[in-house]
Amino acid sequence: MDSILIIDDEPQIRKLLSRIMELEGYEVWQAADCQSTLKQLKLHRPQVALCDVFLPDGNGVELVSTIKRLYPEIEVILLTAHGNIPDGVQAIKNGAFDYITKGDDNNKIIPLISRAMEQAKKNIGENVSKDVSVIGTFDMILGKSACLQEAVKLAQKVAATDVTVLLTGETGTGKEVFAQAIHYNSRRRERAFMAVNCSAFSKDLLESELFGHKAGAFTGAVKDKKGLFEVADNGTIFLDEIGEMAYDLQAKLLRVLETGEYIKIGDTKPTKVDLRIISATNRDLKKEVVEGHFREDLYYRLSVFQIHLPPLRERREDIELLARSFVRLFSRKLNKEIGSITPGYLNVLQTNEWKGNIRELRNVIERSMIVCDGQLTVEDLPFELQNIHVADAGSLNYPEFELAAVEKRHIARVLQYTRGNKTEASRLLKIGLTTLYRKIEEYGLS
């Protein structure tokens, strides 16, 4: 029987949603917080999770990342009483199937659940099963280059210990993937792995997210909230972009490292935790210490064991392997088969500088697959990458310079921007809706 997990801290809402889903013929499980959610997922493996954004021990937007990392086949729909655009955007980026508002969207829930269920069934297959088997292992770190393998060997050695780890390297080099592998190969593997980007929050909000608060501690604090340190107790917390943390907040983090305790906002007694801290930065923290932006004592506590991750331009022999892996990933996600990758396309990938590293490569592959027709060619690349090799165009037959090819790519890009809304696309393109439909049919963009 198709099954759904309802995640909400309010019993009445869980009961109501469960009854609705049962009447639709679904088997329903319930969870009241992040901790019980992970237990229910492991026990029952539902196809779809319907999750509230605000939970007693965490945030549903962040929980989506955890669910999709552990069970990528499960589709997650987020429900919120007070929707806002930034949360919705972040939820979709984290892998949510959709993000809707309670009450206003009751008529959308049933068909939305049905679509999510269909997608979840597509997710379950040979390729997905293969990917799930390597999650949490060092096999998910793709690459055979010597510099990457050296970093992997260091990570494998430190995983078995309990020391703090500092991952350094440019943005997009895969620091969170390394942090996950270290956690899932440690003695804490059965406990929570929580990740937080320190640059994504203001100082006060980051303090509340990490350490939690007591009811009444500040305006809007209507009930006690557990911080991520408490949620990750006996597990691992990954602090990405640690160099962005406010200076006075660094002192509170140092106390956790030295004593294993901290005081929540508005509390009078300390909370004890036992966790491992893995941090990451794209900054030169030694320079930050000299300039007075980062505490020297905290730096030495965080960097007991350092691992530097090489940029993609220093491991070009791994680019094709990574590209083909992303093609497999997006073939499932976009439900689109790719027959081949042309040598010209691979040549551009190999010669690009990749200032955004693996993250940029992934985005380029996804964009290419949206506009391609059966195989990946140079004309499917973003214009800025195609222009790198304009000097070679004289000796080669480049179909991307044909006017029709340029028009096709531009229309595809606009349709992607409007999420398929053809009326809005025709307005932005400044052409009639009938003309747009004719071109969509002509270029096979439907």
Protein backbone atom coordinates (compact mmCIF):
# COMPACT_ATOMS: atom_id res chain seq x y z
CA MET A 1 0.00 0.00 0.00
CA ASP A 2 1.21 3.55 -0.78
CA SER A 3 2.23 5.24 2.46
CA ILE A 4 2.66 8.77 3.78
CA LEU A 5 4.39 10.20 6.84
CA ILE A 6 2.64 13.20 8.45
CA ILE A 7 5.12 15.39 10.37
CA ASP A 8 3.58 18.06 12.61
CA ASP A 9 3.91 18.94 16.29
CA GLU A 10 0.16 19.65 16.64
CA PRO A 11 -1.79 16.40 17.33
CA GLN A 12 -5.06 17.75 15.92
CA ILE A 13 -3.48 18.64 12.58
CA ARG A 14 -1.76 15.23 12.38
CA LYS A 15 -5.07 13.53 13.15
CA LEU A 16 -6.99 15.56 10.54
CA LEU A 17 -4.42 15.06 7.78
CA SER A 18 -4.07 11.37 8.62
CA ARG A 19 -7.84 10.88 8.33
CA ILE A 20 -7.93 12.66 4.96
CA MET A 21 -5.07 10.52 3.62
CA GLU A 22 -6.58 7.29 4.95
CA LEU A 23 -9.85 8.07 3.17
CA GLU A 24 -7.80 8.39 -0.04
CA GLY A 25 -6.51 4.86 0.51
CA TYR A 26 -3.03 5.66 1.82
CA GLU A 27 -1.30 4.00 4.76
CA VAL A 28 -0.37 6.80 7.17
CA TRP A 29 2.37 7.17 9.78
CA GLN A 30 2.89 10.11 12.12
CA ALA A 31 5.80 12.01 13.68
CA ALA A 32 5.85 15.07 15.96
CA ASP A 33 9.45 16.25 15.53
CA CYS A 34 12.70 15.77 13.60
CA GLN A 35 14.00 13.00 15.86
CA SER A 36 10.87 10.83 15.58
CA THR A 37 10.72 11.58 11.85
CA LEU A 38 14.09 9.94 11.25
CA LYS A 39 13.00 6.90 13.28
CA GLN A 40 9.72 6.55 11.34
CA LEU A 41 11.49 6.94 8.00
CA LYS A 42 13.96 4.20 8.89
CA LEU A 43 11.18 1.92 10.16
CA HIS A 44 8.50 2.37 7.48
CA ARG A 45 10.14 4.02 4.42
CA PRO A 46 7.02 5.87 3.15
CA GLN A 47 6.98 7.19 -0.41
CA VAL A 48 5.88 10.72 0.59
CA ALA A 49 6.38 12.93 3.66
CA LEU A 50 4.03 15.83 4.45
CA CYS A 51 6.01 18.07 6.79
CA ASP A 52 5.34 21.21 8.82
CA VAL A 53 8.02 23.93 8.59
CA PHE A 54 8.16 24.73 12.31
CA LEU A 55 9.01 21.74 14.50
CA PRO A 56 10.00 21.63 18.19
CA ASP A 57 13.55 20.44 17.53
CA GLY A 58 14.32 21.86 14.13
CA ASN A 59 13.18 23.48 10.90
CA GLY A 60 11.30 21.58 8.19
CA VAL A 61 13.18 23.38 5.40
CA GLU A 62 16.47 22.01 6.77
CA LEU A 63 14.90 18.62 7.51
CA VAL A 64 14.19 18.25 3.78
CA SER A 65 17.96 18.17 3.13
CA THR A 66 18.44 15.42 5.70
CA ILE A 67 15.57 13.31 4.32
CA LYS A 68 16.71 13.65 0.70
CA ARG A 69 20.29 12.79 1.66
CA LEU A 70 19.30 9.64 3.55
CA TYR A 71 16.32 8.61 1.40
CA PRO A 72 16.53 10.36 -2.00
CA GLU A 73 13.58 8.38 -3.34
CA ILE A 74 11.15 9.95 -0.81
CA GLU A 75 9.32 13.08 -1.94
CA VAL A 76 8.74 15.78 0.71
CA ILE A 77 5.93 18.36 0.67
CA LEU A 78 6.29 21.23 3.13
CA LEU A 79 3.29 22.81 4.87
CA THR A 80 3.46 26.16 6.63
CA ALA A 81 1.00 28.41 8.42
CA HIS A 82 2.89 31.52 7.31
CA GLY A 83 4.49 31.05 3.90
CA ASN A 84 7.27 33.31 2.69
CA ILE A 85 9.19 33.38 -0.57
CA PRO A 86 12.75 32.86 0.82
CA ASP A 87 11.66 29.73 2.72
CA GLY A 88 9.86 28.43 -0.36
CA VAL A 89 12.89 28.96 -2.59
CA GLN A 90 15.24 27.33 -0.07
CA ALA A 91 12.84 24.39 0.39
CA ILE A 92 12.84 23.66 -3.35
CA LYS A 93 16.65 24.01 -3.45
CA ASN A 94 16.88 21.50 -0.60
CA GLY A 95 14.86 19.00 -2.64
CA ALA A 96 11.25 19.56 -1.56
CA PHE A 97 8.60 18.44 -4.04
CA ASP A 98 6.47 21.49 -3.20
CA TYR A 99 5.85 24.16 -0.53
CA ILE A 100 2.27 25.15 0.28
CA THR A 101 0.34 27.14 2.89
CA LYS A 102 -1.99 25.48 5.38
CA GLY A 103 -5.66 26.29 4.96
CA ASP A 104 -5.38 28.26 1.73
CA ASP A 105 -4.21 25.22 -0.21
CA ASN A 106 -6.36 22.41 1.24
CA ASN A 107 -7.84 21.76 -2.21
CA LYS A 108 -4.31 21.26 -3.57
CA ILE A 109 -3.14 18.64 -1.09
CA ILE A 110 -4.79 15.52 -2.57
CA PRO A 111 -3.71 16.04 -6.21
CA LEU A 112 -0.30 17.20 -4.98
CA ILE A 113 0.12 14.04 -2.90
CA SER A 114 -0.89 11.99 -5.94
CA ARG A 115 1.76 13.65 -8.13
CA ALA A 116 4.41 13.29 -5.43
CA MET A 117 3.52 9.61 -5.06
CA GLU A 118 3.95 9.07 -8.81
CA GLN A 119 7.34 10.79 -8.73
CA ALA A 120 8.44 8.75 -5.70
CA LYS A 121 7.63 5.53 -7.56
CA LYS A 122 9.73 6.71 -10.50
CA ASN A 123 12.58 7.40 -8.08
CA ILE A 124 12.60 3.80 -6.92
CA GLY A 125 14.63 1.88 -9.46
CA GLU A 126 17.94 0.27 -10.13
CA ASN A 127 19.90 3.51 -10.40
CA VAL A 128 18.39 5.06 -7.28
CA SER A 129 19.03 1.89 -5.29
CA LYS A 130 22.63 1.97 -6.42
CA ASP A 131 22.99 5.59 -5.32
CA VAL A 132 21.42 4.91 -1.91
CA SER A 133 23.93 2.12 -1.30
CA VAL A 134 26.86 4.54 -1.43
CA ILE A 135 25.32 7.36 0.59
CA GLY A 136 27.36 7.78 3.74
CA THR A 137 30.44 6.07 2.29
CA PHE A 138 33.55 7.55 0.72
CA ASP A 139 32.38 6.03 -2.59
CA MET A 140 30.10 9.05 -3.03
CA ILE A 141 33.24 11.22 -3.46
CA LEU A 142 33.90 10.88 -7.18
CA GLY A 143 37.37 11.28 -8.62
CA LYS A 144 40.63 9.44 -9.18
CA SER A 145 43.02 12.40 -9.25
CA ALA A 146 45.98 12.18 -6.88
CA CYS A 147 45.14 15.41 -5.03
CA LEU A 148 41.56 14.30 -4.35
CA GLN A 149 42.60 10.80 -3.30
CA GLU A 150 45.05 12.32 -0.82
CA ALA A 151 42.20 14.30 0.75
CA VAL A 152 40.02 11.16 0.87
CA LYS A 153 42.77 9.17 2.62
CA LEU A 154 43.09 11.85 5.28
CA ALA A 155 39.31 11.93 5.77
CA GLN A 156 39.16 8.14 6.11
CA LYS A 157 41.85 8.23 8.80
CA VAL A 158 40.23 10.99 10.85
CA ALA A 159 36.70 9.54 10.54
CA ALA A 160 37.44 6.82 13.08
CA THR A 161 38.51 9.40 15.69
CA ASP A 162 36.44 12.03 17.47
CA VAL A 163 38.60 15.10 16.84
CA THR A 164 37.36 18.32 15.28
CA VAL A 165 38.02 18.70 11.55
CA LEU A 166 38.46 21.87 9.49
CA LEU A 167 37.78 21.50 5.77
CA THR A 168 39.29 24.23 3.61
CA GLY A 169 38.93 25.01 -0.07
CA GLU A 170 37.08 27.16 -2.56
CA THR A 171 33.30 27.37 -2.69
CA GLY A 172 31.72 24.40 -4.45
CA THR A 173 34.55 21.88 -3.90
CA GLY A 174 32.35 19.42 -1.98
CA LYS A 175 33.13 20.20 1.66
CA GLU A 176 29.69 19.09 2.91
CA VAL A 177 30.00 15.77 1.05
CA PHE A 178 33.31 15.17 2.85
CA ALA A 179 31.71 16.10 6.18
CA GLN A 180 28.89 13.60 5.58
CA ALA A 181 31.34 10.82 4.70
CA ILE A 182 33.39 11.49 7.84
CA HIS A 183 30.26 11.39 10.01
CA TYR A 184 28.79 8.23 8.49
CA ASN A 185 32.09 6.42 8.93
CA SER A 186 32.47 7.43 12.58
CA ARG A 187 31.15 5.91 15.79
CA ARG A 188 28.40 8.55 15.68
CA ARG A 189 26.96 7.27 12.38
CA GLU A 190 23.65 6.19 13.96
CA ARG A 191 23.05 9.65 15.40
CA ALA A 192 22.10 12.92 13.72
CA PHE A 193 24.19 14.83 11.19
CA MET A 194 23.12 18.48 11.17
CA ALA A 195 24.49 21.05 8.71
CA VAL A 196 24.19 24.82 8.98
CA ASN A 197 25.59 27.56 6.76
CA CYS A 198 26.86 30.30 9.10
CA SER A 199 26.68 32.92 6.33
CA ALA A 200 22.95 32.34 5.79
CA PHE A 201 21.86 33.82 9.13
CA SER A 202 22.22 37.08 11.00
CA LYS A 203 24.19 36.91 14.27
CA ASP A 204 21.08 36.76 16.51
CA LEU A 205 19.26 34.25 14.30
CA LEU A 206 22.34 32.02 14.03
CA GLU A 207 22.69 32.03 17.83
CA SER A 208 19.06 30.94 18.18
CA GLU A 209 19.44 28.26 15.49
CA LEU A 210 22.57 26.79 17.06
CA PHE A 211 21.83 27.09 20.76
CA GLY A 212 18.04 27.37 20.96
CA HIS A 213 16.05 29.63 23.28
CA LYS A 214 13.55 29.63 26.12
CA ALA A 215 9.99 30.89 25.74
CA GLY A 216 9.85 34.64 26.34
CA ALA A 217 13.57 35.17 25.68
CA PHE A 218 12.71 37.75 23.02
CA THR A 219 9.73 39.03 21.05
CA GLY A 220 8.25 36.15 19.07
CA ALA A 221 9.76 33.40 21.26
CA VAL A 222 6.39 31.90 22.21
CA LYS A 223 7.75 28.48 23.17
CA ASP A 224 11.00 26.71 23.99
CA LYS A 225 13.11 25.79 20.98
CA LYS A 226 15.91 23.26 20.80
CA GLY A 227 19.02 24.44 18.99
CA LEU A 228 20.89 22.38 16.43
CA PHE A 229 23.58 21.54 18.99
CA GLU A 230 20.95 19.86 21.15
CA VAL A 231 19.33 18.11 18.19
CA ALA A 232 22.75 16.79 17.12
CA ASP A 233 23.64 15.55 20.62
CA ASN A 234 25.82 12.41 20.33
CA GLY A 235 26.06 13.07 16.59
CA THR A 236 27.86 15.55 14.35
CA ILE A 237 27.23 19.18 13.48
CA PHE A 238 28.73 20.67 10.30
CA LEU A 239 29.38 24.43 10.44
CA ASP A 240 29.85 25.61 6.87
CA GLU A 241 31.40 29.03 6.19
CA ILE A 242 32.63 29.21 9.80
CA GLY A 243 34.66 32.31 8.91
CA GLU A 244 31.38 34.26 8.60
CA MET A 245 30.40 33.69 12.26
CA ALA A 246 30.17 36.88 14.36
CA TYR A 247 33.15 37.43 16.66
CA ASP A 248 31.19 37.45 19.95
CA LEU A 249 29.31 34.30 18.93
CA GLN A 250 32.65 32.56 18.40
CA ALA A 251 33.24 32.74 22.16
CA LYS A 252 30.07 30.74 22.81
CA LEU A 253 31.14 28.11 20.27
CA LEU A 254 34.56 27.91 21.94
CA ARG A 255 32.89 27.14 25.27
CA VAL A 256 31.04 24.22 23.68
CA LEU A 257 34.34 22.83 22.39
CA GLU A 258 36.11 23.27 25.74
CA THR A 259 33.39 22.26 28.22
CA GLY A 260 30.66 20.51 26.19
CA GLU A 261 28.02 22.92 27.49
CA TYR A 262 26.34 26.23 26.69
CA ILE A 263 23.48 28.41 27.91
CA LYS A 264 20.39 28.84 25.74
CA ILE A 265 19.10 32.34 25.06
CA GLY A 266 16.91 33.28 28.03
CA ASP A 267 18.01 30.32 30.16
CA THR A 268 19.89 30.36 33.47
CA LYS A 269 21.32 26.86 33.56
CA PRO A 270 23.73 25.20 31.11
CA THR A 271 22.78 22.54 28.56
CA LYS A 272 25.28 19.70 28.15
CA VAL A 273 25.98 18.10 24.77
CA ASP A 274 28.35 15.48 23.40
CA LEU A 275 28.93 16.07 19.72
CA ARG A 276 31.59 16.28 17.05
CA ILE A 277 32.13 19.54 15.20
CA ILE A 278 33.26 19.60 11.58
CA SER A 279 33.69 23.08 10.14
CA ALA A 280 34.49 24.43 6.70
CA THR A 281 35.65 27.69 5.18
CA ASN A 282 36.75 29.19 1.88
CA ARG A 283 38.65 31.91 3.74
CA ASP A 284 42.23 32.02 5.03
CA LEU A 285 41.44 31.79 8.74
CA LYS A 286 45.05 32.47 9.75
CA LYS A 287 44.79 35.80 7.93
CA GLU A 288 41.39 36.43 9.57
CA VAL A 289 43.03 35.84 12.98
CA VAL A 290 45.82 38.35 12.21
CA GLU A 291 43.24 40.93 11.07
CA GLY A 292 41.21 40.42 14.25
CA HIS A 293 38.12 38.91 12.59
CA PHE A 294 38.49 35.40 13.99
CA ARG A 295 39.46 34.19 17.46
CA GLU A 296 42.90 32.57 17.56
CA ASP A 297 41.93 30.17 20.37
CA LEU A 298 38.85 29.02 18.42
CA TYR A 299 40.93 28.56 15.26
CA TYR A 300 43.27 26.13 17.01
CA ARG A 301 40.35 24.20 18.54
CA LEU A 302 38.60 23.84 15.18
CA SER A 303 41.72 22.99 13.15
CA VAL A 304 43.04 20.04 15.14
CA PHE A 305 42.90 18.17 11.81
CA GLN A 306 42.80 20.10 8.53
CA ILE A 307 41.90 18.75 5.10
CA HIS A 308 42.27 20.92 2.00
CA LEU A 309 39.94 20.13 -0.91
CA PRO A 310 41.44 20.90 -4.34
CA PRO A 311 39.57 23.09 -6.86
CA LEU A 312 38.17 21.40 -9.94
CA ARG A 313 40.72 23.04 -12.26
CA GLU A 314 43.47 21.12 -10.41
CA ARG A 315 41.77 17.77 -11.00
CA ARG A 316 40.65 17.99 -14.63
CA GLU A 317 40.94 14.21 -15.06
CA ASP A 318 37.85 13.93 -12.81
CA ILE A 319 35.64 16.27 -14.85
CA GLU A 320 34.29 13.66 -17.29
CA LEU A 321 33.52 11.24 -14.45
CA LEU A 322 31.63 13.94 -12.54
CA ALA A 323 29.81 15.08 -15.68
CA ARG A 324 28.57 11.59 -16.50
CA SER A 325 27.43 11.14 -12.89
CA PHE A 326 25.39 14.36 -13.09
CA VAL A 327 23.91 13.24 -16.42
CA ARG A 328 22.63 10.05 -14.75
CA LEU A 329 21.25 12.08 -11.85
CA PHE A 330 19.35 14.56 -14.01
CA SER A 331 18.17 11.87 -16.43
CA ARG A 332 16.05 10.54 -13.56
CA LYS A 333 15.13 13.94 -12.18
CA LEU A 334 14.04 15.34 -15.56
CA ASN A 335 12.78 11.98 -16.88
CA LYS A 336 14.95 12.50 -19.97
CA GLU A 337 17.23 10.01 -21.67
CA ILE A 338 20.61 11.20 -22.98
CA GLY A 339 22.02 9.10 -25.81
CA SER A 340 25.56 10.45 -25.77
CA ILE A 341 27.89 13.32 -24.90
CA THR A 342 29.76 14.72 -27.90
CA PRO A 343 33.57 15.13 -27.79
CA GLY A 344 33.14 18.87 -28.37
CA TYR A 345 30.94 19.19 -25.29
CA LEU A 346 33.45 17.30 -23.13
CA ASN A 347 36.30 19.38 -24.53
CA VAL A 348 34.62 22.59 -23.35
CA LEU A 349 34.11 21.08 -19.89
CA GLN A 350 37.75 20.03 -19.74
CA THR A 351 39.11 23.46 -20.67
CA ASN A 352 36.82 25.70 -18.60
CA GLU A 353 38.29 27.26 -15.43
CA TRP A 354 35.30 26.30 -13.20
CA LYS A 355 35.58 29.13 -10.70
CA GLY A 356 32.43 27.73 -9.05
CA ASN A 357 33.97 24.24 -9.01
CA ILE A 358 31.74 21.13 -8.78
CA ARG A 359 28.64 23.20 -7.98
CA GLU A 360 29.08 25.19 -11.19
CA LEU A 361 29.67 22.01 -13.22
CA ARG A 362 26.48 20.48 -11.82
CA ASN A 363 24.47 23.59 -12.74
CA VAL A 364 25.88 23.61 -16.29
CA ILE A 365 24.97 19.92 -16.79
CA GLU A 366 21.44 20.46 -15.50
CA ARG A 367 20.91 23.50 -17.71
CA SER A 368 22.30 21.64 -20.73
CA MET A 369 19.99 18.67 -20.22
CA ILE A 370 16.91 20.88 -20.08
CA VAL A 371 17.53 22.25 -23.59
CA CYS A 372 19.22 19.28 -25.28
CA ASP A 373 17.66 16.89 -27.82
CA GLY A 374 18.87 13.38 -27.08
CA GLN A 375 22.59 14.13 -26.85
CA LEU A 376 24.70 16.82 -25.21
CA THR A 377 26.41 19.07 -27.76
CA VAL A 378 28.29 22.38 -27.56
CA GLU A 379 25.12 24.26 -28.54
CA ASP A 380 23.45 23.05 -25.31
CA LEU A 381 26.04 24.84 -23.15
CA PRO A 382 25.41 28.34 -21.72
CA PHE A 383 26.45 31.09 -24.14
CA GLU A 384 29.39 32.20 -21.99
CA LEU A 385 30.95 28.72 -22.22
CA GLN A 386 30.33 28.45 -25.96
CA ASN A 387 32.07 31.79 -26.48
CA ILE A 388 35.29 30.44 -24.96
CA HIS A 389 35.87 28.48 -28.16
CA VAL A 390 34.67 31.01 -30.73
CA ALA A 391 38.26 31.26 -32.05
CA ASP A 392 38.06 27.64 -33.17
CA ALA A 393 34.80 28.11 -35.04
CA GLY A 394 36.46 28.81 -38.38
CA SER A 395 37.63 25.24 -38.83
CA LEU A 396 34.57 23.51 -37.41
CA ASN A 397 30.89 23.29 -38.27
CA TYR A 398 29.18 24.87 -35.24
CA PRO A 399 25.37 24.59 -35.50
CA GLU A 400 25.04 26.87 -32.44
CA PHE A 401 25.78 29.87 -34.69
CA GLU A 402 22.62 29.26 -36.72
CA LEU A 403 19.92 31.85 -35.89
CA ALA A 404 17.28 29.14 -35.32
CA ALA A 405 19.53 27.40 -32.78
CA VAL A 406 20.03 30.64 -30.87
CA GLU A 407 16.29 31.34 -30.90
CA LYS A 408 15.50 27.82 -29.69
CA ARG A 409 17.90 28.11 -26.77
CA HIS A 410 16.57 31.53 -25.80
CA ILE A 411 12.94 30.39 -25.81
CA ALA A 412 13.86 27.31 -23.78
CA ARG A 413 15.66 29.51 -21.25
CA VAL A 414 12.68 31.87 -20.89
CA LEU A 415 10.27 28.93 -20.49
CA GLN A 416 12.55 27.55 -17.80
CA TYR A 417 12.53 30.95 -16.05
CA THR A 418 8.70 31.14 -16.12
CA ARG A 419 8.38 27.48 -15.03
CA GLY A 420 6.46 26.66 -18.20
CA ASN A 421 4.04 29.61 -18.00
CA LYS A 422 3.61 30.32 -21.70
CA THR A 423 1.56 33.52 -21.25
CA GLU A 424 4.31 35.05 -19.12
CA ALA A 425 6.97 33.74 -21.52
CA SER A 426 5.27 35.37 -24.53
CA ARG A 427 5.13 38.66 -22.58
CA LEU A 428 8.83 38.55 -21.76
CA LEU A 429 9.74 37.55 -25.33
CA LYS A 430 7.43 40.28 -26.69
CA ILE A 431 5.80 37.90 -29.18
CA GLY A 432 2.21 36.73 -29.53
CA LEU A 433 1.06 33.66 -27.62
CA THR A 434 0.09 31.94 -30.89
CA THR A 435 3.58 32.60 -32.26
CA LEU A 436 5.14 31.17 -29.12
CA TYR A 437 3.05 27.97 -29.38
CA ARG A 438 4.08 27.59 -33.04
CA LYS A 439 7.78 27.97 -32.19
CA ILE A 440 7.49 25.54 -29.27
CA GLU A 441 6.05 22.95 -31.65
CA GLU A 442 8.60 23.78 -34.36
CA TYR A 443 11.57 23.36 -31.99
CA GLY A 444 10.13 20.41 -30.09
CA LEU A 445 10.16 22.25 -26.75
CA SER A 446 6.83 20.96 -25.45
